[in-house]
Amino acid sequence: MDNKENWKRKKKVKADYRKIEEIVLRKFLKWRKVFGKIESERIPTRKIWDYAIDLKETFKLQKRKIYPLFKDKRKEVQNFVNN
């Protein structure tokens, strides 16, 4: 990346930060890179602690409930989702 491209990117990032400062609460601004559009769309760099998760050949994905709900609460949630 040459200096001109780098300058354009920095200009976009600054404009993006101005938008963020209007939206995000002041106490969260120290983490503005998390909220920025440009930073959130880039792929994180690989780290030495990144590793693959190797599943066994016999592994079968099982669909389970995240947490059990009582029948009345389940109906209430279902109504909320449908509406």
PDB file of N, CA and C in Angstrom:
ATOM      1  N   MET A   1       0.849  -1.168   0.000  1.00  0.00           N
ATOM      2  CA  MET A   1       0.000   0.000   0.000  1.00  0.00           C
ATOM      3  C   MET A   1       0.902   1.241   0.000  1.00  0.00           C
ATOM      4  N   ASP A   2       0.713   2.127  -0.965  1.00  0.00           N
ATOM      5  CA  ASP A   2       1.531   3.338  -1.015  1.00  0.00           C
ATOM      6  C   ASP A   2       0.975   4.409  -0.074  1.00  0.00           C
ATOM      7  N   ASN A   3       1.690   5.513   0.033  1.00  0.00           N
ATOM      8  CA  ASN A   3       1.305   6.576   0.976  1.00  0.00           C
ATOM      9  C   ASN A   3      -0.047   7.189   0.650  1.00  0.00           C
ATOM     10  N   LYS A   4      -0.359   7.330  -0.654  1.00  0.00           N
ATOM     11  CA  LYS A   4      -1.626   7.942  -1.047  1.00  0.00           C
ATOM     12  C   LYS A   4      -2.813   7.087  -0.588  1.00  0.00           C
ATOM     13  N   GLU A   5      -2.705   5.759  -0.800  1.00  0.00           N
ATOM     14  CA  GLU A   5      -3.768   4.848  -0.363  1.00  0.00           C
ATOM     15  C   GLU A   5      -3.885   4.850   1.153  1.00  0.00           C
ATOM     16  N   ASN A   6      -2.761   4.863   1.827  1.00  0.00           N
ATOM     17  CA  ASN A   6      -2.744   4.872   3.278  1.00  0.00           C
ATOM     18  C   ASN A   6      -3.396   6.150   3.808  1.00  0.00           C
ATOM     19  N   TRP A   7      -3.117   7.296   3.174  1.00  0.00           N
ATOM     20  CA  TRP A   7      -3.709   8.564   3.574  1.00  0.00           C
ATOM     21  C   TRP A   7      -5.216   8.538   3.399  1.00  0.00           C
ATOM     22  N   LYS A   8      -5.695   7.981   2.259  1.00  0.00           N
ATOM     23  CA  LYS A   8      -7.133   7.882   2.012  1.00  0.00           C
ATOM     24  C   LYS A   8      -7.810   7.022   3.070  1.00  0.00           C
ATOM     25  N   ARG A   9      -7.156   5.910   3.421  1.00  0.00           N
ATOM     26  CA  ARG A   9      -7.722   5.014   4.430  1.00  0.00           C
ATOM     27  C   ARG A   9      -7.815   5.724   5.778  1.00  0.00           C
ATOM     28  N   LYS A  10      -6.758   6.449   6.154  1.00  0.00           N
ATOM     29  CA  LYS A  10      -6.770   7.176   7.422  1.00  0.00           C
ATOM     30  C   LYS A  10      -7.870   8.224   7.438  1.00  0.00           C
ATOM     31  N   LYS A  11      -8.097   8.878   6.301  1.00  0.00           N
ATOM     32  CA  LYS A  11      -9.150   9.884   6.208  1.00  0.00           C
ATOM     33  C   LYS A  11     -10.523   9.230   6.407  1.00  0.00           C
ATOM     34  N   LYS A  12     -10.732   8.042   5.817  1.00  0.00           N
ATOM     35  CA  LYS A  12     -11.990   7.312   5.984  1.00  0.00           C
ATOM     36  C   LYS A  12     -12.184   6.907   7.440  1.00  0.00           C
ATOM     37  N   VAL A  13     -11.101   6.435   8.065  1.00  0.00           N
ATOM     38  CA  VAL A  13     -11.174   6.003   9.461  1.00  0.00           C
ATOM     39  C   VAL A  13     -11.553   7.182  10.354  1.00  0.00           C
ATOM     40  N   LYS A  14     -10.960   8.363  10.111  1.00  0.00           N
ATOM     41  CA  LYS A  14     -11.289   9.538  10.922  1.00  0.00           C
ATOM     42  C   LYS A  14     -12.758   9.914  10.762  1.00  0.00           C
ATOM     43  N   ALA A  15     -13.267   9.862   9.534  1.00  0.00           N
ATOM     44  CA  ALA A  15     -14.681  10.168   9.301  1.00  0.00           C
ATOM     45  C   ALA A  15     -15.562   9.156  10.007  1.00  0.00           C
ATOM     46  N   ASP A  16     -15.152   7.896   9.975  1.00  0.00           N
ATOM     47  CA  ASP A  16     -15.893   6.826  10.639  1.00  0.00           C
ATOM     48  C   ASP A  16     -15.907   7.055  12.145  1.00  0.00           C
ATOM     49  N   TYR A  17     -14.780   7.507  12.722  1.00  0.00           N
ATOM     50  CA  TYR A  17     -14.712   7.769  14.151  1.00  0.00           C
ATOM     51  C   TYR A  17     -15.652   8.900  14.551  1.00  0.00           C
ATOM     52  N   ARG A  18     -15.787   9.921  13.705  1.00  0.00           N
ATOM     53  CA  ARG A  18     -16.691  11.017  14.026  1.00  0.00           C
ATOM     54  C   ARG A  18     -18.118  10.513  14.137  1.00  0.00           C
ATOM     55  N   LYS A  19     -18.503   9.620  13.268  1.00  0.00           N
ATOM     56  CA  LYS A  19     -19.840   9.042  13.335  1.00  0.00           C
ATOM     57  C   LYS A  19     -19.997   8.234  14.617  1.00  0.00           C
ATOM     58  N   ILE A  20     -18.966   7.494  14.961  1.00  0.00           N
ATOM     59  CA  ILE A  20     -19.003   6.644  16.156  1.00  0.00           C
ATOM     60  C   ILE A  20     -19.179   7.490  17.411  1.00  0.00           C
ATOM     61  N   GLU A  21     -18.481   8.601  17.479  1.00  0.00           N
ATOM     62  CA  GLU A  21     -18.556   9.454  18.666  1.00  0.00           C
ATOM     63  C   GLU A  21     -19.958  10.005  18.883  1.00  0.00           C
ATOM     64  N   GLU A  22     -20.743  10.092  17.824  1.00  0.00           N
ATOM     65  CA  GLU A  22     -22.117  10.551  17.962  1.00  0.00           C
ATOM     66  C   GLU A  22     -23.040   9.435  18.433  1.00  0.00           C
ATOM     67  N   ILE A  23     -22.669   8.194  18.175  1.00  0.00           N
ATOM     68  CA  ILE A  23     -23.542   7.052  18.450  1.00  0.00           C
ATOM     69  C   ILE A  23     -23.187   6.358  19.764  1.00  0.00           C
ATOM     70  N   VAL A  24     -21.910   6.108  19.966  1.00  0.00           N
ATOM     71  CA  VAL A  24     -21.439   5.295  21.093  1.00  0.00           C
ATOM     72  C   VAL A  24     -21.264   6.167  22.334  1.00  0.00           C
ATOM     73  N   LEU A  25     -21.608   5.615  23.476  1.00  0.00           N
ATOM     74  CA  LEU A  25     -21.430   6.325  24.743  1.00  0.00           C
ATOM     75  C   LEU A  25     -19.951   6.638  24.976  1.00  0.00           C
ATOM     76  N   ARG A  26     -19.682   7.763  25.626  1.00  0.00           N
ATOM     77  CA  ARG A  26     -18.313   8.226  25.842  1.00  0.00           C
ATOM     78  C   ARG A  26     -17.442   7.186  26.559  1.00  0.00           C
ATOM     79  N   LYS A  27     -18.016   6.453  27.518  1.00  0.00           N
ATOM     80  CA  LYS A  27     -17.215   5.489  28.283  1.00  0.00           C
ATOM     81  C   LYS A  27     -16.758   4.299  27.435  1.00  0.00           C
ATOM     82  N   PHE A  28     -17.388   4.090  26.272  1.00  0.00           N
ATOM     83  CA  PHE A  28     -17.002   2.988  25.398  1.00  0.00           C
ATOM     84  C   PHE A  28     -16.105   3.426  24.244  1.00  0.00           C
ATOM     85  N   LEU A  29     -15.781   4.687  24.156  1.00  0.00           N
ATOM     86  CA  LEU A  29     -14.988   5.183  23.032  1.00  0.00           C
ATOM     87  C   LEU A  29     -13.561   4.656  23.007  1.00  0.00           C
ATOM     88  N   LYS A  30     -13.055   4.202  24.134  1.00  0.00           N
ATOM     89  CA  LYS A  30     -11.701   3.644  24.104  1.00  0.00           C
ATOM     90  C   LYS A  30     -11.654   2.338  23.310  1.00  0.00           C
ATOM     91  N   TRP A  31     -12.806   1.748  23.050  1.00  0.00           N
ATOM     92  CA  TRP A  31     -12.885   0.539  22.221  1.00  0.00           C
ATOM     93  C   TRP A  31     -13.473   0.860  20.847  1.00  0.00           C
ATOM     94  N   ARG A  32     -13.246   2.072  20.345  1.00  0.00           N
ATOM     95  CA  ARG A  32     -13.885   2.501  19.102  1.00  0.00           C
ATOM     96  C   ARG A  32     -13.517   1.643  17.907  1.00  0.00           C
ATOM     97  N   LYS A  33     -12.370   0.990  17.949  1.00  0.00           N
ATOM     98  CA  LYS A  33     -12.006   0.115  16.828  1.00  0.00           C
ATOM     99  C   LYS A  33     -12.986  -1.044  16.695  1.00  0.00           C
ATOM    100  N   VAL A  34     -13.560  -1.463  17.778  1.00  0.00           N
ATOM    101  CA  VAL A  34     -14.541  -2.545  17.733  1.00  0.00           C
ATOM    102  C   VAL A  34     -15.803  -2.078  17.022  1.00  0.00           C
ATOM    103  N   PHE A  35     -16.172  -0.816  17.231  1.00  0.00           N
ATOM    104  CA  PHE A  35     -17.413  -0.291  16.685  1.00  0.00           C
ATOM    105  C   PHE A  35     -17.257   0.291  15.287  1.00  0.00           C
ATOM    106  N   GLY A  36     -16.050   0.562  14.848  1.00  0.00           N
ATOM    107  CA  GLY A  36     -15.825   1.183  13.551  1.00  0.00           C
ATOM    108  C   GLY A  36     -16.205   0.272  12.398  1.00  0.00           C
ATOM    109  N   LYS A  37     -16.790   0.851  11.357  1.00  0.00           N
ATOM    110  CA  LYS A  37     -17.232   0.084  10.207  1.00  0.00           C
ATOM    111  C   LYS A  37     -16.045  -0.539   9.483  1.00  0.00           C
ATOM    112  N   ILE A  38     -15.018   0.251   9.243  1.00  0.00           N
ATOM    113  CA  ILE A  38     -13.856  -0.247   8.503  1.00  0.00           C
ATOM    114  C   ILE A  38     -13.155  -1.355   9.286  1.00  0.00           C
ATOM    115  N   GLU A  39     -12.913  -1.129  10.572  1.00  0.00           N
ATOM    116  CA  GLU A  39     -12.209  -2.129  11.379  1.00  0.00           C
ATOM    117  C   GLU A  39     -13.029  -3.396  11.576  1.00  0.00           C
ATOM    118  N   SER A  40     -14.353  -3.236  11.687  1.00  0.00           N
ATOM    119  CA  SER A  40     -15.183  -4.419  11.923  1.00  0.00           C
ATOM    120  C   SER A  40     -15.305  -5.296  10.684  1.00  0.00           C
ATOM    121  N   GLU A  41     -15.039  -4.740   9.508  1.00  0.00           N
ATOM    122  CA  GLU A  41     -15.162  -5.520   8.272  1.00  0.00           C
ATOM    123  C   GLU A  41     -13.861  -6.201   7.865  1.00  0.00           C
ATOM    124  N   ARG A  42     -12.753  -5.845   8.477  1.00  0.00           N
ATOM    125  CA  ARG A  42     -11.493  -6.479   8.092  1.00  0.00           C
ATOM    126  C   ARG A  42     -11.325  -7.797   8.844  1.00  0.00           C
ATOM    127  N   ILE A  43     -10.567  -8.681   8.257  1.00  0.00           N
ATOM    128  CA  ILE A  43     -10.317  -9.985   8.871  1.00  0.00           C
ATOM    129  C   ILE A  43      -9.171  -9.836   9.869  1.00  0.00           C
ATOM    130  N   PRO A  44      -9.333 -10.349  11.080  1.00  0.00           N
ATOM    131  CA  PRO A  44      -8.260 -10.252  12.071  1.00  0.00           C
ATOM    132  C   PRO A  44      -7.013 -11.007  11.610  1.00  0.00           C
ATOM    133  N   THR A  45      -5.861 -10.512  12.004  1.00  0.00           N
ATOM    134  CA  THR A  45      -4.617 -11.182  11.647  1.00  0.00           C
ATOM    135  C   THR A  45      -4.493 -12.484  12.434  1.00  0.00           C
ATOM    136  N   ARG A  46      -3.799 -13.426  11.843  1.00  0.00           N
ATOM    137  CA  ARG A  46      -3.605 -14.716  12.505  1.00  0.00           C
ATOM    138  C   ARG A  46      -2.656 -14.551  13.687  1.00  0.00           C
ATOM    139  N   LYS A  47      -2.929 -15.272  14.747  1.00  0.00           N
ATOM    140  CA  LYS A  47      -2.106 -15.229  15.950  1.00  0.00           C
ATOM    141  C   LYS A  47      -1.503 -16.607  16.184  1.00  0.00           C
ATOM    142  N   ILE A  48      -0.475 -16.652  17.004  1.00  0.00           N
ATOM    143  CA  ILE A  48       0.176 -17.939  17.257  1.00  0.00           C
ATOM    144  C   ILE A  48      -0.720 -18.891  18.039  1.00  0.00           C
ATOM    145  N   TRP A  49      -1.695 -18.352  18.747  1.00  0.00           N
ATOM    146  CA  TRP A  49      -2.585 -19.213  19.533  1.00  0.00           C
ATOM    147  C   TRP A  49      -3.814 -19.663  18.746  1.00  0.00           C
ATOM    148  N   ASP A  50      -3.964 -19.242  17.489  1.00  0.00           N
ATOM    149  CA  ASP A  50      -5.060 -19.729  16.652  1.00  0.00           C
ATOM    150  C   ASP A  50      -4.794 -21.196  16.304  1.00  0.00           C
ATOM    151  N   TYR A  51      -5.817 -22.005  16.362  1.00  0.00           N
ATOM    152  CA  TYR A  51      -5.650 -23.413  16.007  1.00  0.00           C
ATOM    153  C   TYR A  51      -6.953 -23.941  15.437  1.00  0.00           C
ATOM    154  N   ALA A  52      -6.828 -25.027  14.703  1.00  0.00           N
ATOM    155  CA  ALA A  52      -8.002 -25.644  14.091  1.00  0.00           C
ATOM    156  C   ALA A  52      -8.700 -26.543  15.108  1.00  0.00           C
ATOM    157  N   ILE A  53      -9.993 -26.662  14.977  1.00  0.00           N
ATOM    158  CA  ILE A  53     -10.752 -27.586  15.813  1.00  0.00           C
ATOM    159  C   ILE A  53     -11.076 -28.797  14.955  1.00  0.00           C
ATOM    160  N   ASP A  54     -10.388 -29.877  15.241  1.00  0.00           N
ATOM    161  CA  ASP A  54     -10.580 -31.099  14.462  1.00  0.00           C
ATOM    162  C   ASP A  54     -11.652 -31.956  15.119  1.00  0.00           C
ATOM    163  N   LEU A  55     -12.713 -32.217  14.375  1.00  0.00           N
ATOM    164  CA  LEU A  55     -13.797 -33.043  14.882  1.00  0.00           C
ATOM    165  C   LEU A  55     -13.560 -34.491  14.493  1.00  0.00           C
ATOM    166  N   LYS A  56     -14.068 -35.399  15.293  1.00  0.00           N
ATOM    167  CA  LYS A  56     -13.931 -36.820  14.982  1.00  0.00           C
ATOM    168  C   LYS A  56     -14.835 -37.169  13.808  1.00  0.00           C
ATOM    169  N   GLU A  57     -14.462 -38.197  13.087  1.00  0.00           N
ATOM    170  CA  GLU A  57     -15.239 -38.650  11.927  1.00  0.00           C
ATOM    171  C   GLU A  57     -16.661 -39.032  12.335  1.00  0.00           C
ATOM    172  N   THR A  58     -16.827 -39.524  13.546  1.00  0.00           N
ATOM    173  CA  THR A  58     -18.138 -40.000  14.003  1.00  0.00           C
ATOM    174  C   THR A  58     -19.006 -38.892  14.601  1.00  0.00           C
ATOM    175  N   PHE A  59     -18.496 -37.669  14.645  1.00  0.00           N
ATOM    176  CA  PHE A  59     -19.238 -36.569  15.249  1.00  0.00           C
ATOM    177  C   PHE A  59     -20.483 -36.242  14.428  1.00  0.00           C
ATOM    178  N   LYS A  60     -21.619 -36.107  15.124  1.00  0.00           N
ATOM    179  CA  LYS A  60     -22.866 -35.699  14.495  1.00  0.00           C
ATOM    180  C   LYS A  60     -23.422 -34.526  15.294  1.00  0.00           C
ATOM    181  N   LEU A  61     -23.744 -33.463  14.596  1.00  0.00           N
ATOM    182  CA  LEU A  61     -24.294 -32.287  15.242  1.00  0.00           C
ATOM    183  C   LEU A  61     -25.670 -32.609  15.810  1.00  0.00           C
ATOM    184  N   GLN A  62     -25.884 -32.260  17.065  1.00  0.00           N
ATOM    185  CA  GLN A  62     -27.156 -32.533  17.709  1.00  0.00           C
ATOM    186  C   GLN A  62     -27.852 -31.211  17.991  1.00  0.00           C
ATOM    187  N   LYS A  63     -29.084 -31.112  17.574  1.00  0.00           N
ATOM    188  CA  LYS A  63     -29.859 -29.906  17.821  1.00  0.00           C
ATOM    189  C   LYS A  63     -30.456 -29.995  19.223  1.00  0.00           C
ATOM    190  N   ARG A  64     -30.099 -29.033  20.050  1.00  0.00           N
ATOM    191  CA  ARG A  64     -30.576 -29.025  21.430  1.00  0.00           C
ATOM    192  C   ARG A  64     -31.052 -27.635  21.790  1.00  0.00           C
ATOM    193  N   LYS A  65     -31.854 -27.574  22.821  1.00  0.00           N
ATOM    194  CA  LYS A  65     -32.313 -26.285  23.330  1.00  0.00           C
ATOM    195  C   LYS A  65     -31.164 -25.620  24.085  1.00  0.00           C
ATOM    196  N   ILE A  66     -31.102 -24.321  23.962  1.00  0.00           N
ATOM    197  CA  ILE A  66     -30.054 -23.590  24.655  1.00  0.00           C
ATOM    198  C   ILE A  66     -30.256 -23.693  26.158  1.00  0.00           C
ATOM    199  N   TYR A  67     -31.473 -23.471  26.571  1.00  0.00           N
ATOM    200  CA  TYR A  67     -31.831 -23.650  27.972  1.00  0.00           C
ATOM    201  C   TYR A  67     -33.318 -23.979  28.035  1.00  0.00           C
ATOM    202  N   PRO A  68     -33.719 -24.811  28.980  1.00  0.00           N
ATOM    203  CA  PRO A  68     -35.123 -25.212  29.052  1.00  0.00           C
ATOM    204  C   PRO A  68     -36.012 -24.067  29.552  1.00  0.00           C
ATOM    205  N   LEU A  69     -37.216 -23.990  28.996  1.00  0.00           N
ATOM    206  CA  LEU A  69     -38.207 -23.012  29.432  1.00  0.00           C
ATOM    207  C   LEU A  69     -39.473 -23.736  29.856  1.00  0.00           C
ATOM    208  N   PHE A  70     -40.181 -23.130  30.787  1.00  0.00           N
ATOM    209  CA  PHE A  70     -41.480 -23.663  31.143  1.00  0.00           C
ATOM    210  C   PHE A  70     -42.436 -23.438  29.974  1.00  0.00           C
ATOM    211  N   LYS A  71     -43.487 -24.227  29.944  1.00  0.00           N
ATOM    212  CA  LYS A  71     -44.419 -24.202  28.820  1.00  0.00           C
ATOM    213  C   LYS A  71     -45.008 -22.803  28.575  1.00  0.00           C
ATOM    214  N   ASP A  72     -45.416 -22.124  29.636  1.00  0.00           N
ATOM    215  CA  ASP A  72     -46.004 -20.789  29.463  1.00  0.00           C
ATOM    216  C   ASP A  72     -44.976 -19.772  28.952  1.00  0.00           C
ATOM    217  N   LYS A  73     -43.755 -19.856  29.427  1.00  0.00           N
ATOM    218  CA  LYS A  73     -42.696 -18.959  28.953  1.00  0.00           C
ATOM    219  C   LYS A  73     -42.351 -19.258  27.489  1.00  0.00           C
ATOM    220  N   ARG A  74     -42.342 -20.530  27.117  1.00  0.00           N
ATOM    221  CA  ARG A  74     -42.058 -20.931  25.749  1.00  0.00           C
ATOM    222  C   ARG A  74     -43.094 -20.350  24.792  1.00  0.00           C
ATOM    223  N   LYS A  75     -44.388 -20.394  25.186  1.00  0.00           N
ATOM    224  CA  LYS A  75     -45.452 -19.823  24.372  1.00  0.00           C
ATOM    225  C   LYS A  75     -45.272 -18.311  24.236  1.00  0.00           C
ATOM    226  N   GLU A  76     -44.911 -17.671  25.323  1.00  0.00           N
ATOM    227  CA  GLU A  76     -44.701 -16.228  25.316  1.00  0.00           C
ATOM    228  C   GLU A  76     -43.558 -15.851  24.359  1.00  0.00           C
ATOM    229  N   VAL A  77     -42.482 -16.580  24.414  1.00  0.00           N
ATOM    230  CA  VAL A  77     -41.344 -16.342  23.521  1.00  0.00           C
ATOM    231  C   VAL A  77     -41.742 -16.593  22.072  1.00  0.00           C
ATOM    232  N   GLN A  78     -42.462 -17.670  21.829  1.00  0.00           N
ATOM    233  CA  GLN A  78     -42.903 -18.016  20.476  1.00  0.00           C
ATOM    234  C   GLN A  78     -43.800 -16.920  19.902  1.00  0.00           C
ATOM    235  N   ASN A  79     -44.726 -16.398  20.712  1.00  0.00           N
ATOM    236  CA  ASN A  79     -45.592 -15.292  20.279  1.00  0.00           C
ATOM    237  C   ASN A  79     -44.763 -14.048  19.935  1.00  0.00           C
ATOM    238  N   PHE A  80     -43.760 -13.776  20.751  1.00  0.00           N
ATOM    239  CA  PHE A  80     -42.898 -12.627  20.502  1.00  0.00           C
ATOM    240  C   PHE A  80     -42.140 -12.783  19.180  1.00  0.00           C
ATOM    241  N   VAL A  81     -41.614 -13.962  18.933  1.00  0.00           N
ATOM    242  CA  VAL A  81     -40.859 -14.223  17.700  1.00  0.00           C
ATOM    243  C   VAL A  81     -41.770 -14.138  16.482  1.00  0.00           C
ATOM    244  N   ASN A  82     -42.962 -14.662  16.588  1.00  0.00           N
ATOM    245  CA  ASN A  82     -43.890 -14.652  15.448  1.00  0.00           C
ATOM    246  C   ASN A  82     -44.393 -13.255  15.113  1.00  0.00           C
ATOM    247  N   ASN A  83     -44.494 -12.394  16.121  1.00  0.00           N
ATOM    248  CA  ASN A  83     -44.999 -11.021  15.884  1.00  0.00           C
ATOM    249  C   ASN A  83     -43.868 -10.119  15.650  1.00  0.00           C
TER     250      ASN A  83
END
